[in-house]
Amino acid sequence: MGLWTLVEGFLLLANSLAILNDDRFLAPRGWGLSDFSGNRTKTFKGQVLGLIYAIQYLRVPLIILNSICIILKLVSG
């Protein structure tokens, strides 16, 4: 397992977190944006919610990174 495989794995993880829908998936399970407020941001659940919403906020750079990864895969094989 090389460094490139590890980078691809993190990119796939970021993609999976970016497509989670707040209304359909997160809120019915108690992981909505309304639960991410106040003193709960220090807990593990608050940290994970912060990560999810940060990744969803940065979708445009994620699209660019996906495009670069696809182009490199096409060129290198």
PDB file of N, CA and C in Angstrom:
ATOM      1  N   MET A   1       0.850  -1.172   0.000  1.00  0.00           N
ATOM      2  CA  MET A   1       0.000   0.000   0.000  1.00  0.00           C
ATOM      3  C   MET A   1       0.893   1.232   0.000  1.00  0.00           C
ATOM      4  N   GLY A   2       0.727   2.030  -0.994  1.00  0.00           N
ATOM      5  CA  GLY A   2       1.558   3.209  -1.117  1.00  0.00           C
ATOM      6  C   GLY A   2       0.849   4.468  -0.649  1.00  0.00           C
ATOM      7  N   LEU A   3       1.550   5.556  -0.751  1.00  0.00           N
ATOM      8  CA  LEU A   3       1.008   6.846  -0.349  1.00  0.00           C
ATOM      9  C   LEU A   3      -0.165   7.247  -1.238  1.00  0.00           C
ATOM     10  N   TRP A   4      -0.061   6.960  -2.546  1.00  0.00           N
ATOM     11  CA  TRP A   4      -1.134   7.313  -3.462  1.00  0.00           C
ATOM     12  C   TRP A   4      -2.425   6.565  -3.119  1.00  0.00           C
ATOM     13  N   THR A   5      -2.326   5.316  -2.733  1.00  0.00           N
ATOM     14  CA  THR A   5      -3.501   4.535  -2.339  1.00  0.00           C
ATOM     15  C   THR A   5      -4.139   5.116  -1.085  1.00  0.00           C
ATOM     16  N   LEU A   6      -3.321   5.572  -0.166  1.00  0.00           N
ATOM     17  CA  LEU A   6      -3.831   6.199   1.048  1.00  0.00           C
ATOM     18  C   LEU A   6      -4.547   7.516   0.733  1.00  0.00           C
ATOM     19  N   VAL A   7      -3.990   8.305  -0.171  1.00  0.00           N
ATOM     20  CA  VAL A   7      -4.626   9.561  -0.576  1.00  0.00           C
ATOM     21  C   VAL A   7      -5.960   9.286  -1.264  1.00  0.00           C
ATOM     22  N   GLU A   8      -5.999   8.271  -2.118  1.00  0.00           N
ATOM     23  CA  GLU A   8      -7.248   7.901  -2.775  1.00  0.00           C
ATOM     24  C   GLU A   8      -8.292   7.439  -1.764  1.00  0.00           C
ATOM     25  N   GLY A   9      -7.868   6.721  -0.750  1.00  0.00           N
ATOM     26  CA  GLY A   9      -8.790   6.266   0.288  1.00  0.00           C
ATOM     27  C   GLY A   9      -9.402   7.426   1.056  1.00  0.00           C
ATOM     28  N   PHE A  10      -8.579   8.417   1.405  1.00  0.00           N
ATOM     29  CA  PHE A  10      -9.109   9.601   2.092  1.00  0.00           C
ATOM     30  C   PHE A  10     -10.031  10.410   1.184  1.00  0.00           C
ATOM     31  N   LEU A  11      -9.720  10.448  -0.100  1.00  0.00           N
ATOM     32  CA  LEU A  11     -10.577  11.144  -1.048  1.00  0.00           C
ATOM     33  C   LEU A  11     -11.930  10.443  -1.163  1.00  0.00           C
ATOM     34  N   LEU A  12     -11.935   9.132  -1.197  1.00  0.00           N
ATOM     35  CA  LEU A  12     -13.197   8.388  -1.229  1.00  0.00           C
ATOM     36  C   LEU A  12     -14.000   8.585   0.050  1.00  0.00           C
ATOM     37  N   LEU A  13     -13.329   8.638   1.197  1.00  0.00           N
ATOM     38  CA  LEU A  13     -14.009   8.897   2.461  1.00  0.00           C
ATOM     39  C   LEU A  13     -14.623  10.293   2.475  1.00  0.00           C
ATOM     40  N   ALA A  14     -13.878  11.276   1.969  1.00  0.00           N
ATOM     41  CA  ALA A  14     -14.407  12.638   1.897  1.00  0.00           C
ATOM     42  C   ALA A  14     -15.603  12.704   0.955  1.00  0.00           C
ATOM     43  N   ASN A  15     -15.555  11.970  -0.146  1.00  0.00           N
ATOM     44  CA  ASN A  15     -16.696  11.924  -1.062  1.00  0.00           C
ATOM     45  C   ASN A  15     -17.923  11.321  -0.384  1.00  0.00           C
ATOM     46  N   SER A  16     -17.717  10.274   0.377  1.00  0.00           N
ATOM     47  CA  SER A  16     -18.857   9.635   1.040  1.00  0.00           C
ATOM     48  C   SER A  16     -19.475  10.542   2.095  1.00  0.00           C
ATOM     49  N   LEU A  17     -18.684  11.341   2.767  1.00  0.00           N
ATOM     50  CA  LEU A  17     -19.227  12.275   3.757  1.00  0.00           C
ATOM     51  C   LEU A  17     -19.871  13.489   3.096  1.00  0.00           C
ATOM     52  N   ALA A  18     -19.397  13.861   1.913  1.00  0.00           N
ATOM     53  CA  ALA A  18     -19.925  15.044   1.234  1.00  0.00           C
ATOM     54  C   ALA A  18     -21.317  14.817   0.676  1.00  0.00           C
ATOM     55  N   ILE A  19     -21.678  13.572   0.368  1.00  0.00           N
ATOM     56  CA  ILE A  19     -22.975  13.327  -0.245  1.00  0.00           C
ATOM     57  C   ILE A  19     -24.075  13.017   0.758  1.00  0.00           C
ATOM     58  N   LEU A  20     -23.752  12.995   2.056  1.00  0.00           N
ATOM     59  CA  LEU A  20     -24.782  12.721   3.051  1.00  0.00           C
ATOM     60  C   LEU A  20     -25.782  13.872   3.089  1.00  0.00           C
ATOM     61  N   ASN A  21     -27.057  13.542   2.966  1.00  0.00           N
ATOM     62  CA  ASN A  21     -28.108  14.548   2.972  1.00  0.00           C
ATOM     63  C   ASN A  21     -28.573  14.788   4.400  1.00  0.00           C
ATOM     64  N   ASP A  22     -28.655  16.049   4.783  1.00  0.00           N
ATOM     65  CA  ASP A  22     -29.038  16.399   6.153  1.00  0.00           C
ATOM     66  C   ASP A  22     -30.481  16.017   6.449  1.00  0.00           C
ATOM     67  N   ASP A  23     -31.389  16.327   5.533  1.00  0.00           N
ATOM     68  CA  ASP A  23     -32.809  16.072   5.787  1.00  0.00           C
ATOM     69  C   ASP A  23     -33.162  14.596   5.734  1.00  0.00           C
ATOM     70  N   ARG A  24     -32.589  13.874   4.809  1.00  0.00           N
ATOM     71  CA  ARG A  24     -32.959  12.468   4.629  1.00  0.00           C
ATOM     72  C   ARG A  24     -32.196  11.500   5.526  1.00  0.00           C
ATOM     73  N   PHE A  25     -30.928  11.786   5.768  1.00  0.00           N
ATOM     74  CA  PHE A  25     -30.105  10.796   6.456  1.00  0.00           C
ATOM     75  C   PHE A  25     -29.686  11.220   7.860  1.00  0.00           C
ATOM     76  N   LEU A  26     -29.188  12.435   8.004  1.00  0.00           N
ATOM     77  CA  LEU A  26     -28.592  12.830   9.279  1.00  0.00           C
ATOM     78  C   LEU A  26     -29.628  13.214  10.332  1.00  0.00           C
ATOM     79  N   ALA A  27     -30.590  14.051   9.983  1.00  0.00           N
ATOM     80  CA  ALA A  27     -31.563  14.552  10.961  1.00  0.00           C
ATOM     81  C   ALA A  27     -32.435  13.458  11.576  1.00  0.00           C
ATOM     82  N   PRO A  28     -32.957  12.495  10.815  1.00  0.00           N
ATOM     83  CA  PRO A  28     -33.768  11.448  11.454  1.00  0.00           C
ATOM     84  C   PRO A  28     -32.997  10.588  12.454  1.00  0.00           C
ATOM     85  N   ARG A  29     -31.694  10.563  12.351  1.00  0.00           N
ATOM     86  CA  ARG A  29     -30.878   9.768  13.265  1.00  0.00           C
ATOM     87  C   ARG A  29     -30.299  10.599  14.409  1.00  0.00           C
ATOM     88  N   GLY A  30     -30.703  11.868  14.485  1.00  0.00           N
ATOM     89  CA  GLY A  30     -30.230  12.725  15.557  1.00  0.00           C
ATOM     90  C   GLY A  30     -28.876  13.353  15.298  1.00  0.00           C
ATOM     91  N   TRP A  31     -28.471  13.410  14.046  1.00  0.00           N
ATOM     92  CA  TRP A  31     -27.174  13.968  13.691  1.00  0.00           C
ATOM     93  C   TRP A  31     -27.338  15.222  12.841  1.00  0.00           C
ATOM     94  N   GLY A  32     -28.443  15.942  12.989  1.00  0.00           N
ATOM     95  CA  GLY A  32     -28.718  17.122  12.181  1.00  0.00           C
ATOM     96  C   GLY A  32     -27.940  18.334  12.646  1.00  0.00           C
ATOM     97  N   LEU A  33     -28.067  19.406  11.883  1.00  0.00           N
ATOM     98  CA  LEU A  33     -27.369  20.649  12.195  1.00  0.00           C
ATOM     99  C   LEU A  33     -27.887  21.267  13.484  1.00  0.00           C
ATOM    100  N   SER A  34     -29.146  21.030  13.811  1.00  0.00           N
ATOM    101  CA  SER A  34     -29.700  21.577  15.054  1.00  0.00           C
ATOM    102  C   SER A  34     -29.080  20.915  16.288  1.00  0.00           C
ATOM    103  N   ASP A  35     -28.606  19.689  16.150  1.00  0.00           N
ATOM    104  CA  ASP A  35     -27.946  18.998  17.265  1.00  0.00           C
ATOM    105  C   ASP A  35     -26.515  19.463  17.447  1.00  0.00           C
ATOM    106  N   PHE A  36     -25.989  20.155  16.472  1.00  0.00           N
ATOM    107  CA  PHE A  36     -24.598  20.606  16.486  1.00  0.00           C
ATOM    108  C   PHE A  36     -24.544  22.070  16.933  1.00  0.00           C
ATOM    109  N   SER A  37     -24.821  22.292  18.183  1.00  0.00           N
ATOM    110  CA  SER A  37     -24.809  23.669  18.681  1.00  0.00           C
ATOM    111  C   SER A  37     -24.482  23.665  20.166  1.00  0.00           C
ATOM    112  N   GLY A  38     -24.057  24.802  20.641  1.00  0.00           N
ATOM    113  CA  GLY A  38     -23.833  24.978  22.070  1.00  0.00           C
ATOM    114  C   GLY A  38     -22.648  24.224  22.603  1.00  0.00           C
ATOM    115  N   ASN A  39     -22.862  23.533  23.697  1.00  0.00           N
ATOM    116  CA  ASN A  39     -21.792  22.863  24.423  1.00  0.00           C
ATOM    117  C   ASN A  39     -21.491  21.473  23.872  1.00  0.00           C
ATOM    118  N   ARG A  40     -22.268  20.997  22.932  1.00  0.00           N
ATOM    119  CA  ARG A  40     -22.096  19.640  22.410  1.00  0.00           C
ATOM    120  C   ARG A  40     -20.982  19.522  21.379  1.00  0.00           C
ATOM    121  N   THR A  41     -20.360  20.626  21.014  1.00  0.00           N
ATOM    122  CA  THR A  41     -19.319  20.562  19.988  1.00  0.00           C
ATOM    123  C   THR A  41     -18.040  19.916  20.503  1.00  0.00           C
ATOM    124  N   LYS A  42     -17.896  19.755  21.794  1.00  0.00           N
ATOM    125  CA  LYS A  42     -16.685  19.148  22.361  1.00  0.00           C
ATOM    126  C   LYS A  42     -16.759  17.631  22.403  1.00  0.00           C
ATOM    127  N   THR A  43     -17.949  17.071  22.233  1.00  0.00           N
ATOM    128  CA  THR A  43     -18.097  15.625  22.287  1.00  0.00           C
ATOM    129  C   THR A  43     -17.630  14.997  20.977  1.00  0.00           C
ATOM    130  N   PHE A  44     -17.527  13.670  20.984  1.00  0.00           N
ATOM    131  CA  PHE A  44     -17.120  12.959  19.778  1.00  0.00           C
ATOM    132  C   PHE A  44     -18.149  13.153  18.672  1.00  0.00           C
ATOM    133  N   LYS A  45     -19.428  13.088  19.037  1.00  0.00           N
ATOM    134  CA  LYS A  45     -20.495  13.282  18.061  1.00  0.00           C
ATOM    135  C   LYS A  45     -20.405  14.688  17.455  1.00  0.00           C
ATOM    136  N   GLY A  46     -20.132  15.679  18.277  1.00  0.00           N
ATOM    137  CA  GLY A  46     -19.991  17.040  17.787  1.00  0.00           C
ATOM    138  C   GLY A  46     -18.804  17.200  16.857  1.00  0.00           C
ATOM    139  N   GLN A  47     -17.716  16.511  17.157  1.00  0.00           N
ATOM    140  CA  GLN A  47     -16.534  16.566  16.303  1.00  0.00           C
ATOM    141  C   GLN A  47     -16.807  15.920  14.943  1.00  0.00           C
ATOM    142  N   VAL A  48     -17.508  14.781  14.957  1.00  0.00           N
ATOM    143  CA  VAL A  48     -17.836  14.095  13.704  1.00  0.00           C
ATOM    144  C   VAL A  48     -18.793  14.950  12.874  1.00  0.00           C
ATOM    145  N   LEU A  49     -19.788  15.560  13.533  1.00  0.00           N
ATOM    146  CA  LEU A  49     -20.712  16.440  12.820  1.00  0.00           C
ATOM    147  C   LEU A  49     -19.984  17.642  12.230  1.00  0.00           C
ATOM    148  N   GLY A  50     -19.048  18.187  12.962  1.00  0.00           N
ATOM    149  CA  GLY A  50     -18.252  19.295  12.442  1.00  0.00           C
ATOM    150  C   GLY A  50     -17.460  18.887  11.212  1.00  0.00           C
ATOM    151  N   LEU A  51     -16.886  17.679  11.236  1.00  0.00           N
ATOM    152  CA  LEU A  51     -16.145  17.165  10.086  1.00  0.00           C
ATOM    153  C   LEU A  51     -17.063  16.991   8.883  1.00  0.00           C
ATOM    154  N   ILE A  52     -18.255  16.431   9.103  1.00  0.00           N
ATOM    155  CA  ILE A  52     -19.198  16.206   8.010  1.00  0.00           C
ATOM    156  C   ILE A  52     -19.598  17.531   7.375  1.00  0.00           C
ATOM    157  N   TYR A  53     -19.944  18.523   8.194  1.00  0.00           N
ATOM    158  CA  TYR A  53     -20.382  19.798   7.641  1.00  0.00           C
ATOM    159  C   TYR A  53     -19.227  20.586   7.028  1.00  0.00           C
ATOM    160  N   ALA A  54     -18.021  20.405   7.511  1.00  0.00           N
ATOM    161  CA  ALA A  54     -16.865  21.061   6.892  1.00  0.00           C
ATOM    162  C   ALA A  54     -16.596  20.476   5.507  1.00  0.00           C
ATOM    163  N   ILE A  55     -16.709  19.173   5.386  1.00  0.00           N
ATOM    164  CA  ILE A  55     -16.491  18.536   4.088  1.00  0.00           C
ATOM    165  C   ILE A  55     -17.604  18.918   3.118  1.00  0.00           C
ATOM    166  N   GLN A  56     -18.843  19.000   3.615  1.00  0.00           N
ATOM    167  CA  GLN A  56     -19.940  19.409   2.737  1.00  0.00           C
ATOM    168  C   GLN A  56     -19.787  20.852   2.296  1.00  0.00           C
ATOM    169  N   TYR A  57     -19.203  21.685   3.119  1.00  0.00           N
ATOM    170  CA  TYR A  57     -18.973  23.077   2.769  1.00  0.00           C
ATOM    171  C   TYR A  57     -17.907  23.204   1.689  1.00  0.00           C
ATOM    172  N   LEU A  58     -16.952  22.304   1.671  1.00  0.00           N
ATOM    173  CA  LEU A  58     -15.825  22.367   0.724  1.00  0.00           C
ATOM    174  C   LEU A  58     -16.031  21.434  -0.467  1.00  0.00           C
ATOM    175  N   ARG A  59     -17.215  21.441  -1.040  1.00  0.00           N
ATOM    176  CA  ARG A  59     -17.497  20.549  -2.165  1.00  0.00           C
ATOM    177  C   ARG A  59     -16.755  20.933  -3.430  1.00  0.00           C
ATOM    178  N   VAL A  60     -16.595  22.224  -3.694  1.00  0.00           N
ATOM    179  CA  VAL A  60     -15.915  22.655  -4.927  1.00  0.00           C
ATOM    180  C   VAL A  60     -14.455  22.205  -4.938  1.00  0.00           C
ATOM    181  N   PRO A  61     -13.677  22.402  -3.862  1.00  0.00           N
ATOM    182  CA  PRO A  61     -12.312  21.848  -3.886  1.00  0.00           C
ATOM    183  C   PRO A  61     -12.295  20.321  -3.986  1.00  0.00           C
ATOM    184  N   LEU A  62     -13.309  19.682  -3.445  1.00  0.00           N
ATOM    185  CA  LEU A  62     -13.391  18.224  -3.538  1.00  0.00           C
ATOM    186  C   LEU A  62     -13.636  17.792  -4.982  1.00  0.00           C
ATOM    187  N   ILE A  63     -14.446  18.536  -5.710  1.00  0.00           N
ATOM    188  CA  ILE A  63     -14.676  18.241  -7.125  1.00  0.00           C
ATOM    189  C   ILE A  63     -13.377  18.410  -7.910  1.00  0.00           C
ATOM    190  N   ILE A  64     -12.624  19.444  -7.593  1.00  0.00           N
ATOM    191  CA  ILE A  64     -11.341  19.675  -8.274  1.00  0.00           C
ATOM    192  C   ILE A  64     -10.362  18.541  -7.971  1.00  0.00           C
ATOM    193  N   LEU A  65     -10.290  18.116  -6.709  1.00  0.00           N
ATOM    194  CA  LEU A  65      -9.402  17.008  -6.352  1.00  0.00           C
ATOM    195  C   LEU A  65      -9.820  15.710  -7.036  1.00  0.00           C
ATOM    196  N   ASN A  66     -11.120  15.475  -7.156  1.00  0.00           N
ATOM    197  CA  ASN A  66     -11.597  14.290  -7.874  1.00  0.00           C
ATOM    198  C   ASN A  66     -11.207  14.342  -9.339  1.00  0.00           C
ATOM    199  N   SER A  67     -11.318  15.514  -9.951  1.00  0.00           N
ATOM    200  CA  SER A  67     -10.941  15.663 -11.357  1.00  0.00           C
ATOM    201  C   SER A  67      -9.448  15.406 -11.556  1.00  0.00           C
ATOM    202  N   ILE A  68      -8.633  15.935 -10.662  1.00  0.00           N
ATOM    203  CA  ILE A  68      -7.186  15.708 -10.742  1.00  0.00           C
ATOM    204  C   ILE A  68      -6.869  14.225 -10.584  1.00  0.00           C
ATOM    205  N   CYS A  69      -7.541  13.581  -9.654  1.00  0.00           N
ATOM    206  CA  CYS A  69      -7.314  12.146  -9.431  1.00  0.00           C
ATOM    207  C   CYS A  69      -7.707  11.326 -10.656  1.00  0.00           C
ATOM    208  N   ILE A  70      -8.821  11.677 -11.280  1.00  0.00           N
ATOM    209  CA  ILE A  70      -9.270  10.955 -12.478  1.00  0.00           C
ATOM    210  C   ILE A  70      -8.279  11.162 -13.609  1.00  0.00           C
ATOM    211  N   ILE A  71      -7.815  12.383 -13.807  1.00  0.00           N
ATOM    212  CA  ILE A  71      -6.860  12.660 -14.878  1.00  0.00           C
ATOM    213  C   ILE A  71      -5.550  11.914 -14.654  1.00  0.00           C
ATOM    214  N   LEU A  72      -5.057  11.902 -13.409  1.00  0.00           N
ATOM    215  CA  LEU A  72      -3.829  11.163 -13.110  1.00  0.00           C
ATOM    216  C   LEU A  72      -3.991   9.671 -13.319  1.00  0.00           C
ATOM    217  N   LYS A  73      -5.158   9.139 -12.991  1.00  0.00           N
ATOM    218  CA  LYS A  73      -5.408   7.709 -13.218  1.00  0.00           C
ATOM    219  C   LYS A  73      -5.459   7.392 -14.700  1.00  0.00           C
ATOM    220  N   LEU A  74      -6.063   8.292 -15.491  1.00  0.00           N
ATOM    221  CA  LEU A  74      -6.117   8.065 -16.928  1.00  0.00           C
ATOM    222  C   LEU A  74      -4.737   8.129 -17.575  1.00  0.00           C
ATOM    223  N   VAL A  75      -3.897   9.050 -17.095  1.00  0.00           N
ATOM    224  CA  VAL A  75      -2.566   9.207 -17.666  1.00  0.00           C
ATOM    225  C   VAL A  75      -1.628   8.077 -17.240  1.00  0.00           C
ATOM    226  N   SER A  76      -1.656   7.743 -15.945  1.00  0.00           N
ATOM    227  CA  SER A  76      -0.693   6.756 -15.435  1.00  0.00           C
ATOM    228  C   SER A  76      -1.164   5.315 -15.575  1.00  0.00           C
ATOM    229  N   GLY A  77      -2.432   5.121 -15.692  1.00  0.00           N
ATOM    230  CA  GLY A  77      -2.935   3.768 -15.895  1.00  0.00           C
ATOM    231  C   GLY A  77      -3.363   3.114 -14.695  1.00  0.00           C
TER     232      GLY A  77
END
